[in-house]
Amino acid sequence: MYTHILIPTDGSELAQNGVDHGLSLAKALGSRVTIITATEPFPVPTGGAAWGVTSADIASYNDGREKAAEEMMAPIKATAEKMGIQAATVHVPGARAATAILETAEQLGCNLIVMASHGRRGVKRLLLGSQAAEVVSSSTVPVLVIR
């Protein structure tokens, strides 16, 4: 039924609930998985701080985000492989999480997205946003949200 599951993570404890559920489902279904994380672009400084930012600063930031993404996803991939699940990792730099998830699911032909959500409602959701809600409302493939 689901042969390729996309599992987003930001490395948080909450996201780990989605990862664990996604891996368990992949194991039960014999599916392969792709673990994805996205990192925000270099923050645009304003005022006087803008003059002090160099291209080396931006490159250093990007290198740090790439290394952090690799370090975060490596143990998840190792766990998947120990479970007998074929796993790949994808880091999308300079992107909002929801956009990266949706585009990657389409590009890789994933047929299920399994992700965690805080389950915020009302004003908190308006103020803090919800990447999961954006993925659910815009995805062309089924999305399983873990709370």
Protein backbone atom coordinates (compact mmCIF):
# COMPACT_ATOMS: atom_id res chain seq x y z
CA MET A 1 0.00 0.00 0.00
CA TYR A 2 2.57 2.59 1.11
CA THR A 3 5.91 1.78 -0.42
CA HIS A 4 7.87 4.98 0.21
CA ILE A 5 7.30 6.94 3.41
CA LEU A 6 8.69 10.45 3.95
CA ILE A 7 9.52 11.14 7.60
CA PRO A 8 10.30 14.77 8.48
CA THR A 9 12.26 15.66 11.61
CA ASP A 10 13.75 18.72 13.22
CA GLY A 11 15.58 16.69 15.84
CA SER A 12 13.16 17.57 18.64
CA GLU A 13 11.65 15.11 21.09
CA LEU A 14 8.23 15.75 19.57
CA ALA A 15 9.49 15.03 16.05
CA GLN A 16 11.02 11.80 17.35
CA ASN A 17 7.49 10.55 18.06
CA GLY A 18 6.72 10.93 14.37
CA VAL A 19 10.01 9.28 13.40
CA ASP A 20 9.37 6.30 15.67
CA HIS A 21 5.84 5.86 14.36
CA GLY A 22 6.97 6.22 10.75
CA LEU A 23 9.72 3.64 11.17
CA SER A 24 7.36 1.19 12.88
CA LEU A 25 4.84 1.59 10.07
CA ALA A 26 7.56 1.16 7.42
CA LYS A 27 8.73 -2.02 9.12
CA ALA A 28 5.19 -3.42 9.27
CA LEU A 29 4.50 -2.57 5.63
CA GLY A 30 7.92 -3.39 4.20
CA SER A 31 8.26 0.20 2.97
CA ARG A 32 11.38 2.20 2.35
CA VAL A 33 11.78 5.58 4.05
CA THR A 34 13.35 8.91 3.41
CA ILE A 35 14.14 11.01 6.46
CA ILE A 36 14.08 14.74 5.73
CA THR A 37 15.06 17.88 7.55
CA ALA A 38 15.07 21.46 6.36
CA THR A 39 17.08 24.39 7.66
CA GLU A 40 16.15 28.03 7.45
CA PRO A 41 18.28 30.37 5.34
CA PHE A 42 20.85 32.62 6.95
CA PRO A 43 18.95 35.26 8.95
CA VAL A 44 18.99 38.61 7.22
CA PRO A 45 20.56 41.14 9.57
CA THR A 46 19.21 44.65 9.71
CA GLY A 47 20.64 48.01 10.67
CA GLY A 48 24.31 48.24 11.54
CA ALA A 49 24.65 44.48 11.89
CA ALA A 50 24.13 44.06 8.16
CA TRP A 51 27.48 45.69 7.44
CA GLY A 52 29.36 43.14 9.52
CA VAL A 53 28.10 40.02 7.71
CA THR A 54 30.47 38.52 5.18
CA SER A 55 30.07 35.75 2.65
CA ALA A 56 32.36 33.70 4.89
CA ASP A 57 29.84 34.11 7.74
CA ILE A 58 27.04 32.84 5.51
CA ALA A 59 29.15 29.92 4.26
CA SER A 60 30.07 29.02 7.84
CA TYR A 61 26.40 29.11 8.84
CA ASN A 62 25.42 26.89 5.91
CA ASP A 63 28.25 24.42 6.64
CA GLY A 64 27.17 24.26 10.29
CA ARG A 65 23.54 23.59 9.36
CA GLU A 66 24.63 20.84 6.92
CA LYS A 67 26.79 19.17 9.58
CA ALA A 68 24.04 19.43 12.19
CA ALA A 69 21.51 17.92 9.77
CA GLU A 70 23.82 15.00 8.99
CA GLU A 71 24.49 14.37 12.69
CA MET A 72 20.77 14.49 13.49
CA MET A 73 19.69 12.12 10.72
CA ALA A 74 22.54 9.58 10.90
CA PRO A 75 21.25 7.79 14.03
CA ILE A 76 17.72 7.66 12.59
CA LYS A 77 19.04 6.10 9.39
CA ALA A 78 21.10 3.62 11.43
CA THR A 79 18.03 2.67 13.48
CA ALA A 80 16.00 2.16 10.31
CA GLU A 81 18.67 -0.05 8.80
CA LYS A 82 18.92 -2.12 12.00
CA MET A 83 15.16 -2.65 11.66
CA GLY A 84 15.71 -3.90 8.10
CA ILE A 85 14.27 -0.76 6.49
CA GLN A 86 15.88 0.76 3.41
CA ALA A 87 16.50 4.38 4.41
CA ALA A 88 17.81 7.54 2.79
CA THR A 89 18.29 11.04 4.16
CA VAL A 90 17.65 14.43 2.61
CA HIS A 91 18.67 17.84 3.92
CA VAL A 92 17.01 20.82 2.25
CA PRO A 93 18.95 23.97 3.13
CA GLY A 94 17.47 27.45 3.01
CA ALA A 95 13.83 26.35 3.01
CA ARG A 96 10.74 26.41 5.17
CA ALA A 97 9.95 22.93 6.49
CA ALA A 98 6.49 22.56 4.93
CA THR A 99 7.72 23.63 1.50
CA ALA A 100 10.69 21.27 1.67
CA ILE A 101 8.50 18.36 2.78
CA LEU A 102 5.91 18.86 0.05
CA GLU A 103 8.45 19.34 -2.74
CA THR A 104 10.57 16.38 -1.64
CA ALA A 105 7.56 14.07 -1.37
CA GLU A 106 6.63 14.93 -4.94
CA GLN A 107 10.19 14.72 -6.32
CA LEU A 108 10.89 11.33 -4.72
CA GLY A 109 7.48 9.81 -5.41
CA CYS A 110 6.67 9.26 -1.73
CA ASN A 111 3.16 7.96 -1.18
CA LEU A 112 2.83 8.75 2.54
CA ILE A 113 4.16 11.44 4.86
CA VAL A 114 4.37 10.63 8.58
CA MET A 115 5.07 13.61 10.82
CA ALA A 116 4.53 14.91 14.33
CA SER A 117 2.53 17.97 15.32
CA HIS A 118 2.16 19.99 18.49
CA GLY A 119 -1.60 20.02 17.97
CA ARG A 120 -1.85 23.74 18.67
CA ARG A 121 -5.22 25.37 18.23
CA GLY A 122 -6.66 28.87 18.15
CA VAL A 123 -4.40 31.83 18.87
CA LYS A 124 -1.31 29.70 19.53
CA ARG A 125 -1.61 28.17 16.07
CA LEU A 126 -2.07 31.60 14.50
CA LEU A 127 0.94 33.04 16.33
CA LEU A 128 3.28 30.06 16.10
CA GLY A 129 2.10 28.56 12.81
CA SER A 130 1.91 24.92 11.99
CA GLN A 131 4.11 23.21 9.46
CA ALA A 132 2.01 20.05 9.85
CA ALA A 133 -1.21 21.93 9.07
CA GLU A 134 0.36 23.42 5.96
CA VAL A 135 1.56 19.99 4.82
CA VAL A 136 -1.84 18.41 5.46
CA SER A 137 -3.71 21.14 3.59
CA SER A 138 -1.36 21.20 0.58
CA SER A 139 -0.18 17.61 0.16
CA THR A 140 -1.21 15.51 -2.81
CA VAL A 141 -0.37 12.32 -0.87
CA PRO A 142 -1.80 11.07 2.43
CA VAL A 143 -0.33 12.58 5.60
CA LEU A 144 -0.35 10.77 8.93
CA VAL A 145 0.01 13.27 11.79
CA ILE A 146 1.24 11.99 15.15
CA ARG A 147 0.38 13.96 18.30
